[in-house]
Amino acid sequence: MIYIIGSSFSGLTTAFILRKKYKNITVISPSRKDETKKSATLLKYLLSLSGEIKFNSKKVSKRIDLIEKTKIKNCKFVSSYQEGGLSNIWGGVLSNIYQYNLKNFPFNKNKLEKIKRQFLHLEKIIFKKNFRYPDKNSSLNKNITLLNFNKKKESVINLKKYLLNKNIKFKYDLYLKKINYKSKKIVLHDLSDNKIIKLNYKKLYISAGPINTAKIILNSFREFKKIKLYETRHFFCLVKKRMNLKKIEYFKFNYDGLKFYSQLYNFRNILNIFFNFKKFNLFKNLFMAQCYLNTQDSSYIEIKKDGKSNFLITGKQKKTFNKRINEILSLYNKKSLDLKFYFPIFNSIGASNHLGASFPMSKKKKKFKTKLNGELYNYKDIYLSDSSVLNEIDVQPITTFTLMNILRMNS
């Protein structure tokens, strides 16, 4: 039996890629099929200074809290055990395959064409149409590269319908506690009747999110004493755009060693929540930018066991990085005519909507790393297939693990 842990966008993407290779694929989720109410809001997420912001039904949250206790220091993060995961908040996302760095994947031309066809097929399933992508990057100037992303909250619903038609099975109310590697069994807590269930697996794919993936690994393998999640740290700032500049939503910034990916939100639309500016032309060229830093500028989250079933999660700030970013943005503003960046505000560690690289990929066998296809070194048939594994790519403003799964499963 092939088991996929997690019914989020990454878990469903994993099932989509595996459907032609294997039969008897089952997606396991701790959510209840009929539970849709959430216990968190985006406002709570933005205002919270530290802790776990749970985007689940209250019943699911309470049941899981009884299984494990977690202490959290100096960081915050969103968790979701609901079907669809965090895509319930910001939707499922596909990134531009032509603007992706593929240098860490040893693919020949024929295999890349096969991957491209799979990508376009998936895109049509979740968006009901294909988008045209440029073969080359579109640049505003030598420091700003424009990007294309597609996102839609209905993407998970559309993809699940397709998978059900392909005989992919779904099991609910099951929370993965531990992997017994030697006997090839997974230990699950049945949330509906509070019982322990053990299932044999042939191959196991974990798409439980970076925090929960780390917890599963720490519970299962003694060699892992603690795990670092290199957090894709981000900051907000105001961006002033040249008046006659065409519409820009996503872009990559690269200047004087500072790299980040950014998503723009119209500042006037934000203010309209509180005031009515629709009749005026004020703030038309002013935007709020959410800027995601590269791994080298990110802080990290450390997770370790704190007792038999407890975990301690601590945010670790990278020294001096705020000052460096302020200085480089000031230098860029002096030379730029197109975009200018003002008043950067740095968010809490873990407050990004995407954590990455807890187990970076590596061509060489290393502890705490995976093979290019996401399989854990030293643990055959166990794969990580969500944003907890990246191939040390530049961070993008919204998750790219959908494309990553297509690449991983074909490597």
Protein backbone atom coordinates (compact mmCIF):
# COMPACT_ATOMS: atom_id res chain seq x y z
CA MET A 1 0.00 0.00 0.00
CA ILE A 2 1.19 3.52 -0.86
CA TYR A 3 0.27 6.03 1.85
CA ILE A 4 0.37 9.82 1.57
CA ILE A 5 0.17 11.65 4.89
CA GLY A 6 -1.71 14.92 4.47
CA SER A 7 -4.58 16.05 2.24
CA SER A 8 -3.19 19.50 1.55
CA PHE A 9 -2.30 20.83 -1.90
CA SER A 10 1.12 19.16 -1.61
CA GLY A 11 -0.40 15.81 -0.61
CA LEU A 12 -2.89 15.87 -3.47
CA THR A 13 -0.14 16.86 -5.89
CA THR A 14 1.89 13.88 -4.70
CA ALA A 15 -1.09 11.60 -5.41
CA PHE A 16 -1.47 13.15 -8.87
CA ILE A 17 2.14 12.36 -9.79
CA LEU A 18 2.08 8.83 -8.33
CA ARG A 19 -1.25 7.76 -9.81
CA LYS A 20 0.32 6.27 -12.99
CA LYS A 21 3.17 4.52 -11.16
CA TYR A 22 1.26 2.74 -8.40
CA LYS A 23 -2.08 1.23 -7.51
CA ASN A 24 -3.63 1.24 -4.02
CA ILE A 25 -2.78 4.84 -3.14
CA THR A 26 -4.45 6.20 0.03
CA VAL A 27 -4.34 9.79 1.33
CA ILE A 28 -4.54 9.97 5.14
CA SER A 29 -5.86 13.09 6.86
CA PRO A 30 -6.59 13.98 10.52
CA SER A 31 -9.53 16.16 9.45
CA ARG A 32 -13.11 14.99 9.46
CA LYS A 33 -14.82 14.93 6.11
CA ASP A 34 -17.82 16.93 7.40
CA GLU A 35 -15.90 19.52 9.44
CA THR A 36 -15.38 22.82 7.67
CA LYS A 37 -15.44 25.48 10.39
CA LYS A 38 -12.08 27.03 11.22
CA SER A 39 -10.82 28.33 14.58
CA ALA A 40 -8.43 30.94 13.21
CA THR A 41 -8.67 34.06 11.09
CA LEU A 42 -6.08 35.98 9.10
CA LEU A 43 -6.51 38.92 11.50
CA LYS A 44 -5.57 36.65 14.41
CA TYR A 45 -2.56 35.47 12.40
CA LEU A 46 -1.37 39.04 11.75
CA LEU A 47 -1.89 40.28 15.32
CA SER A 48 -0.40 37.27 17.14
CA LEU A 49 3.17 37.83 18.31
CA SER A 50 4.03 34.22 19.10
CA GLY A 51 2.54 30.74 19.14
CA GLU A 52 0.65 28.35 16.89
CA ILE A 53 -2.30 29.83 15.01
CA LYS A 54 -4.60 26.89 14.27
CA PHE A 55 -6.65 26.98 11.10
CA ASN A 56 -8.79 23.95 11.93
CA SER A 57 -12.16 23.03 13.35
CA LYS A 58 -12.08 23.36 17.14
CA LYS A 59 -12.82 19.64 17.59
CA VAL A 60 -9.78 18.61 15.54
CA SER A 61 -7.53 21.08 17.39
CA LYS A 62 -8.65 19.85 20.82
CA ARG A 63 -8.18 16.19 19.92
CA ILE A 64 -4.66 16.77 18.60
CA ASP A 65 -3.73 18.92 21.63
CA LEU A 66 -4.49 15.90 23.83
CA ILE A 67 -2.05 13.74 21.84
CA GLU A 68 0.95 16.08 22.03
CA LYS A 69 1.96 19.25 23.89
CA THR A 70 4.04 21.93 22.22
CA LYS A 71 5.94 24.84 23.78
CA ILE A 72 6.65 27.72 21.40
CA LYS A 73 9.16 30.54 21.94
CA ASN A 74 10.04 33.59 19.83
CA CYS A 75 8.11 32.52 16.73
CA LYS A 76 4.66 31.99 15.31
CA PHE A 77 3.24 29.82 12.57
CA VAL A 78 -0.06 28.70 11.07
CA SER A 79 -1.03 25.03 11.17
CA SER A 80 -3.93 23.35 9.44
CA TYR A 81 -5.18 19.79 9.72
CA GLN A 82 -8.21 20.57 7.55
CA GLU A 83 -8.60 18.94 4.19
CA GLY A 84 -6.82 21.25 1.77
CA GLY A 85 -4.38 22.48 4.43
CA LEU A 86 -3.25 26.09 4.22
CA SER A 87 -4.52 26.37 0.65
CA ASN A 88 -7.85 27.11 2.36
CA ILE A 89 -6.31 30.51 3.16
CA TRP A 90 -4.29 31.48 0.08
CA GLY A 91 -5.31 28.89 -2.47
CA GLY A 92 -3.35 26.31 -4.41
CA VAL A 93 -0.53 27.77 -6.44
CA LEU A 94 1.33 26.90 -9.61
CA SER A 95 4.48 28.80 -10.46
CA ASN A 96 5.91 29.51 -13.87
CA ILE A 97 7.81 26.42 -15.01
CA TYR A 98 9.92 28.51 -17.40
CA GLN A 99 11.16 30.79 -14.62
CA TYR A 100 12.27 28.00 -12.32
CA ASN A 101 15.84 27.09 -11.51
CA LEU A 102 16.31 23.47 -12.62
CA LYS A 103 20.09 23.24 -12.33
CA ASN A 104 19.95 20.84 -9.35
CA PHE A 105 17.87 18.33 -11.33
CA PRO A 106 19.79 16.12 -13.81
CA PHE A 107 17.12 15.98 -16.52
CA ASN A 108 17.71 15.59 -20.22
CA LYS A 109 15.62 17.41 -22.82
CA ASN A 110 13.13 14.55 -23.36
CA LYS A 111 12.42 14.20 -19.65
CA LEU A 112 11.92 17.93 -19.25
CA GLU A 113 9.31 17.81 -22.02
CA LYS A 114 7.50 15.01 -20.17
CA ILE A 115 7.54 17.08 -16.97
CA LYS A 116 6.21 20.08 -18.85
CA ARG A 117 3.26 18.03 -20.18
CA GLN A 118 2.45 16.78 -16.66
CA PHE A 119 2.60 20.32 -15.34
CA LEU A 120 0.23 21.63 -18.02
CA HIS A 121 -2.15 18.71 -17.41
CA LEU A 122 -2.26 19.48 -13.69
CA GLU A 123 -2.78 23.15 -14.41
CA LYS A 124 -5.80 22.41 -16.60
CA ILE A 125 -7.33 20.18 -13.91
CA ILE A 126 -7.16 22.73 -11.12
CA PHE A 127 -7.75 25.95 -13.09
CA LYS A 128 -9.93 24.50 -15.89
CA LYS A 129 -7.63 26.12 -18.46
CA ASN A 130 -3.98 26.41 -19.42
CA PHE A 131 -1.99 29.61 -19.05
CA ARG A 132 0.59 30.69 -21.57
CA TYR A 133 4.06 31.27 -20.21
CA PRO A 134 6.93 33.17 -21.79
CA ASP A 135 10.05 31.19 -22.68
CA LYS A 136 12.23 33.90 -21.22
CA ASN A 137 12.05 36.03 -18.10
CA SER A 138 10.43 39.43 -18.48
CA SER A 139 12.59 42.10 -16.84
CA LEU A 140 11.59 45.56 -15.70
CA ASN A 141 15.27 46.43 -15.38
CA LYS A 142 18.47 44.55 -14.58
CA ASN A 143 17.45 44.32 -10.90
CA ILE A 144 13.72 43.54 -11.22
CA THR A 145 12.42 40.38 -12.93
CA LEU A 146 8.65 40.04 -13.40
CA LEU A 147 7.06 36.67 -12.53
CA ASN A 148 3.86 34.76 -13.30
CA PHE A 149 1.90 32.78 -10.72
CA ASN A 150 -1.53 31.18 -10.83
CA LYS A 151 -3.60 30.58 -7.72
CA LYS A 152 -7.17 29.59 -6.97
CA LYS A 153 -8.83 28.45 -3.75
CA GLU A 154 -10.96 25.93 -5.64
CA SER A 155 -7.80 24.19 -6.87
CA VAL A 156 -7.88 21.58 -4.08
CA ILE A 157 -11.55 20.78 -4.72
CA ASN A 158 -10.94 20.36 -8.45
CA LEU A 159 -7.85 18.22 -7.92
CA LYS A 160 -9.55 15.97 -5.34
CA LYS A 161 -12.49 15.30 -7.69
CA TYR A 162 -10.03 14.23 -10.36
CA LEU A 163 -8.17 11.92 -7.95
CA LEU A 164 -11.38 10.26 -6.76
CA ASN A 165 -12.20 9.47 -10.38
CA LYS A 166 -8.74 7.84 -10.62
CA ASN A 167 -9.54 5.56 -7.65
CA ILE A 168 -7.33 7.37 -5.12
CA LYS A 169 -8.70 6.54 -1.64
CA PHE A 170 -9.07 8.93 1.30
CA LYS A 171 -9.06 8.06 5.02
CA TYR A 172 -10.05 10.64 7.66
CA ASP A 173 -9.69 11.11 11.43
CA LEU A 174 -6.20 9.55 11.45
CA TYR A 175 -3.22 11.40 12.93
CA LEU A 176 0.27 10.00 12.22
CA LYS A 177 2.31 9.72 15.42
CA LYS A 178 5.27 7.54 14.47
CA ILE A 179 6.92 5.49 11.73
CA ASN A 180 8.25 2.03 12.67
CA TYR A 181 10.87 1.83 9.94
CA LYS A 182 12.17 -1.71 10.51
CA SER A 183 8.71 -3.31 10.38
CA LYS A 184 7.47 -0.81 7.74
CA LYS A 185 4.45 0.20 9.80
CA ILE A 186 2.91 3.57 10.59
CA VAL A 187 1.35 4.23 14.01
CA LEU A 188 -1.82 6.29 13.74
CA HIS A 189 -4.09 7.80 16.38
CA ASP A 190 -7.76 7.40 15.42
CA LEU A 191 -9.29 10.71 16.50
CA SER A 192 -12.87 9.43 16.24
CA ASP A 193 -12.62 6.67 18.87
CA ASN A 194 -9.25 7.46 20.51
CA LYS A 195 -7.58 4.18 19.44
CA ILE A 196 -4.14 3.35 18.04
CA ILE A 197 -4.01 1.82 14.55
CA LYS A 198 -0.98 0.27 12.81
CA LEU A 199 -0.80 -0.06 9.04
CA ASN A 200 1.80 -1.68 6.80
CA TYR A 201 3.20 0.51 4.04
CA LYS A 202 5.14 -0.23 0.86
CA LYS A 203 6.08 3.40 0.31
CA LEU A 204 5.31 6.38 2.53
CA TYR A 205 5.05 10.01 1.43
CA ILE A 206 4.85 12.69 4.13
CA SER A 207 3.06 15.90 3.15
CA ALA A 208 2.19 17.09 6.64
CA GLY A 209 3.81 20.53 6.50
CA PRO A 210 7.29 21.44 7.75
CA ILE A 211 6.52 21.67 11.49
CA ASN A 212 4.54 18.43 11.65
CA THR A 213 6.94 16.65 9.30
CA ALA A 214 9.75 17.53 11.73
CA LYS A 215 7.71 16.18 14.65
CA ILE A 216 7.09 12.89 12.83
CA ILE A 217 10.81 12.49 12.06
CA LEU A 218 11.81 13.26 15.67
CA ASN A 219 9.26 10.76 16.99
CA SER A 220 10.38 8.05 14.60
CA PHE A 221 14.18 8.13 14.32
CA ARG A 222 16.63 8.35 17.22
CA GLU A 223 19.43 9.84 15.13
CA PHE A 224 17.45 13.07 14.76
CA LYS A 225 17.83 14.98 18.05
CA LYS A 226 16.65 18.33 16.71
CA ILE A 227 15.69 19.79 13.34
CA LYS A 228 16.25 23.24 11.90
CA LEU A 229 13.63 24.70 9.59
CA TYR A 230 15.23 27.49 7.57
CA GLU A 231 12.35 29.92 7.58
CA THR A 232 11.64 31.97 4.49
CA ARG A 233 11.66 35.22 6.43
CA HIS A 234 9.74 38.12 4.96
CA PHE A 235 9.10 41.78 5.50
CA PHE A 236 6.44 44.28 4.48
CA CYS A 237 7.15 47.67 2.98
CA LEU A 238 5.54 50.43 0.92
CA VAL A 239 6.41 50.47 -2.77
CA LYS A 240 5.99 53.53 -4.94
CA LYS A 241 5.61 52.72 -8.61
CA ARG A 242 6.19 55.00 -11.61
CA MET A 243 2.74 56.25 -12.69
CA ASN A 244 2.84 55.02 -16.28
CA LEU A 245 4.33 51.63 -15.41
CA LYS A 246 2.28 48.59 -16.46
CA LYS A 247 0.59 46.34 -13.92
CA ILE A 248 3.01 44.41 -11.70
CA GLU A 249 2.00 41.79 -9.11
CA TYR A 250 4.95 39.41 -8.60
CA PHE A 251 8.63 40.10 -9.13
CA LYS A 252 12.15 39.06 -8.11
CA PHE A 253 14.55 41.66 -6.65
CA ASN A 254 18.33 41.25 -6.95
CA TYR A 255 20.62 44.12 -6.01
CA ASP A 256 23.98 44.32 -4.20
CA GLY A 257 23.73 40.73 -2.91
CA LEU A 258 20.17 41.09 -1.59
CA LYS A 259 17.61 38.76 -3.21
CA PHE A 260 13.93 38.53 -2.44
CA TYR A 261 10.64 37.68 -4.15
CA SER A 262 7.74 40.07 -3.75
CA GLN A 263 3.99 40.25 -4.14
CA LEU A 264 2.30 43.66 -4.46
CA TYR A 265 -1.07 44.61 -2.98
CA ASN A 266 -2.75 47.86 -4.00
CA PHE A 267 -2.49 50.20 -0.99
CA ARG A 268 -5.71 51.99 -1.93
CA ASN A 269 -7.61 48.68 -1.80
CA ILE A 270 -6.22 48.03 1.68
CA LEU A 271 -7.29 51.48 2.90
CA ASN A 272 -10.75 51.00 1.40
CA ILE A 273 -11.40 48.45 4.13
CA PHE A 274 -11.50 51.39 6.56
CA PHE A 275 -12.04 54.45 4.33
CA ASN A 276 -13.65 55.14 0.96
CA PHE A 277 -10.99 56.20 -1.56
CA LYS A 278 -12.74 54.81 -4.62
CA LYS A 279 -13.89 58.23 -5.81
CA PHE A 280 -10.41 59.70 -5.64
CA ASN A 281 -7.17 59.09 -7.46
CA LEU A 282 -5.14 59.00 -4.24
CA PHE A 283 -2.56 56.27 -3.65
CA LYS A 284 -3.00 54.87 -7.16
CA ASN A 285 0.73 54.24 -7.56
CA LEU A 286 1.34 53.15 -3.95
CA PHE A 287 1.48 49.47 -2.98
CA MET A 288 2.04 47.26 0.04
CA ALA A 289 4.73 44.70 -0.75
CA GLN A 290 5.23 41.33 0.93
CA CYS A 291 8.89 40.46 0.35
CA TYR A 292 10.24 36.92 0.88
CA LEU A 293 13.93 36.59 1.59
CA ASN A 294 16.38 34.02 0.36
CA THR A 295 17.60 31.27 2.70
CA GLN A 296 20.90 33.08 3.32
CA ASP A 297 19.00 36.02 4.84
CA SER A 298 16.42 33.97 6.72
CA SER A 299 16.21 33.10 10.36
CA TYR A 300 15.41 29.56 11.43
CA ILE A 301 13.13 27.56 13.69
CA GLU A 302 14.61 24.82 15.87
CA ILE A 303 12.41 21.87 16.85
CA LYS A 304 13.41 19.28 19.43
CA LYS A 305 11.71 16.79 21.70
CA ASP A 306 10.99 18.00 25.22
CA GLY A 307 9.97 14.84 27.01
CA LYS A 308 8.21 11.74 25.74
CA SER A 309 5.49 13.40 23.66
CA ASN A 310 6.23 17.12 24.06
CA PHE A 311 8.04 19.40 21.64
CA LEU A 312 9.91 22.67 22.07
CA ILE A 313 9.83 25.03 19.06
CA THR A 314 12.09 28.08 19.18
CA GLY A 315 12.65 30.89 16.70
CA LYS A 316 16.29 31.94 16.18
CA GLN A 317 16.93 35.43 14.85
CA LYS A 318 19.76 35.95 12.36
CA LYS A 319 21.95 38.79 13.61
CA THR A 320 22.25 42.14 11.78
CA PHE A 321 20.08 41.12 8.82
CA ASN A 322 17.52 43.94 9.42
CA LYS A 323 20.20 46.61 9.24
CA ARG A 324 21.76 45.17 6.07
CA ILE A 325 18.44 45.06 4.22
CA ASN A 326 17.59 48.65 5.19
CA GLU A 327 20.94 49.87 3.89
CA ILE A 328 20.65 48.07 0.53
CA LEU A 329 17.07 49.27 -0.08
CA SER A 330 18.17 52.85 0.62
CA LEU A 331 20.99 52.50 -1.92
CA TYR A 332 18.60 51.07 -4.51
CA ASN A 333 16.09 53.90 -4.04
CA LYS A 334 18.75 56.45 -4.97
CA LYS A 335 19.30 54.86 -8.39
CA SER A 336 15.82 53.53 -9.22
CA LEU A 337 13.24 55.33 -11.36
CA ASP A 338 10.67 52.49 -11.58
CA LEU A 339 10.13 51.17 -8.04
CA LYS A 340 11.12 52.60 -4.67
CA PHE A 341 10.92 50.76 -1.31
CA TYR A 342 10.05 52.51 1.98
CA PHE A 343 9.54 51.67 5.69
CA PRO A 344 10.36 47.94 5.82
CA ILE A 345 8.65 46.14 8.71
CA PHE A 346 10.06 42.73 9.57
CA ASN A 347 7.61 40.02 10.54
CA SER A 348 8.04 37.52 13.35
CA ILE A 349 10.13 34.41 12.81
CA GLY A 350 7.84 31.77 11.40
CA ALA A 351 5.25 34.30 10.25
CA SER A 352 5.87 33.56 6.60
CA ASN A 353 3.13 31.55 4.90
CA HIS A 354 5.81 29.18 3.70
CA LEU A 355 8.50 27.43 5.71
CA GLY A 356 11.14 25.63 3.74
CA ALA A 357 14.27 23.51 3.57
CA SER A 358 14.09 21.55 6.82
CA PHE A 359 15.65 18.66 4.89
CA PRO A 360 17.37 20.25 1.88
CA MET A 361 18.00 18.02 -1.11
CA SER A 362 21.51 16.87 -1.86
CA LYS A 363 23.21 14.82 -4.59
CA LYS A 364 25.60 13.52 -1.91
CA LYS A 365 24.55 11.30 0.97
CA LYS A 366 24.25 13.50 4.05
CA LYS A 367 22.47 13.36 7.38
CA PHE A 368 19.35 15.58 7.57
CA LYS A 369 19.11 15.60 3.77
CA THR A 370 17.11 13.79 1.12
CA LYS A 371 17.81 12.49 -2.33
CA LEU A 372 16.62 14.54 -5.30
CA ASN A 373 13.34 12.60 -5.32
CA GLY A 374 12.64 13.48 -1.65
CA GLU A 375 13.60 10.05 -0.21
CA LEU A 376 15.33 10.26 3.17
CA TYR A 377 18.91 9.05 3.17
CA ASN A 378 19.27 5.90 5.34
CA TYR A 379 15.50 5.31 5.30
CA LYS A 380 14.39 3.56 2.13
CA ASP A 381 10.81 4.09 0.89
CA ILE A 382 10.15 7.14 3.10
CA TYR A 383 9.74 10.36 1.14
CA LEU A 384 9.12 13.98 2.12
CA SER A 385 6.91 15.62 -0.47
CA ASP A 386 5.91 19.04 0.77
CA SER A 387 7.50 22.40 1.52
CA SER A 388 9.61 20.84 4.28
CA VAL A 389 11.95 19.76 1.50
CA LEU A 390 13.36 22.13 -1.09
CA ASN A 391 16.45 21.87 -3.25
CA GLU A 392 17.89 25.04 -1.71
CA ILE A 393 16.16 27.18 -4.33
CA ASP A 394 15.50 30.88 -4.04
CA VAL A 395 12.37 31.45 -2.02
CA GLN A 396 9.33 32.65 -3.96
CA PRO A 397 6.42 34.75 -2.68
CA ILE A 398 4.06 31.79 -2.58
CA THR A 399 4.66 28.08 -2.33
CA THR A 400 6.24 26.32 -5.29
CA PHE A 401 6.17 22.75 -4.00
CA THR A 402 3.51 21.76 -6.53
CA LEU A 403 6.06 22.11 -9.28
CA MET A 404 8.69 20.69 -6.95
CA ASN A 405 6.67 17.48 -6.58
CA ILE A 406 6.49 17.03 -10.34
CA LEU A 407 10.26 17.44 -10.52
CA ARG A 408 10.96 15.22 -7.50
CA MET A 409 8.77 12.32 -8.53
CA ASN A 410 10.32 12.29 -12.00
CA SER A 411 13.95 12.44 -10.87
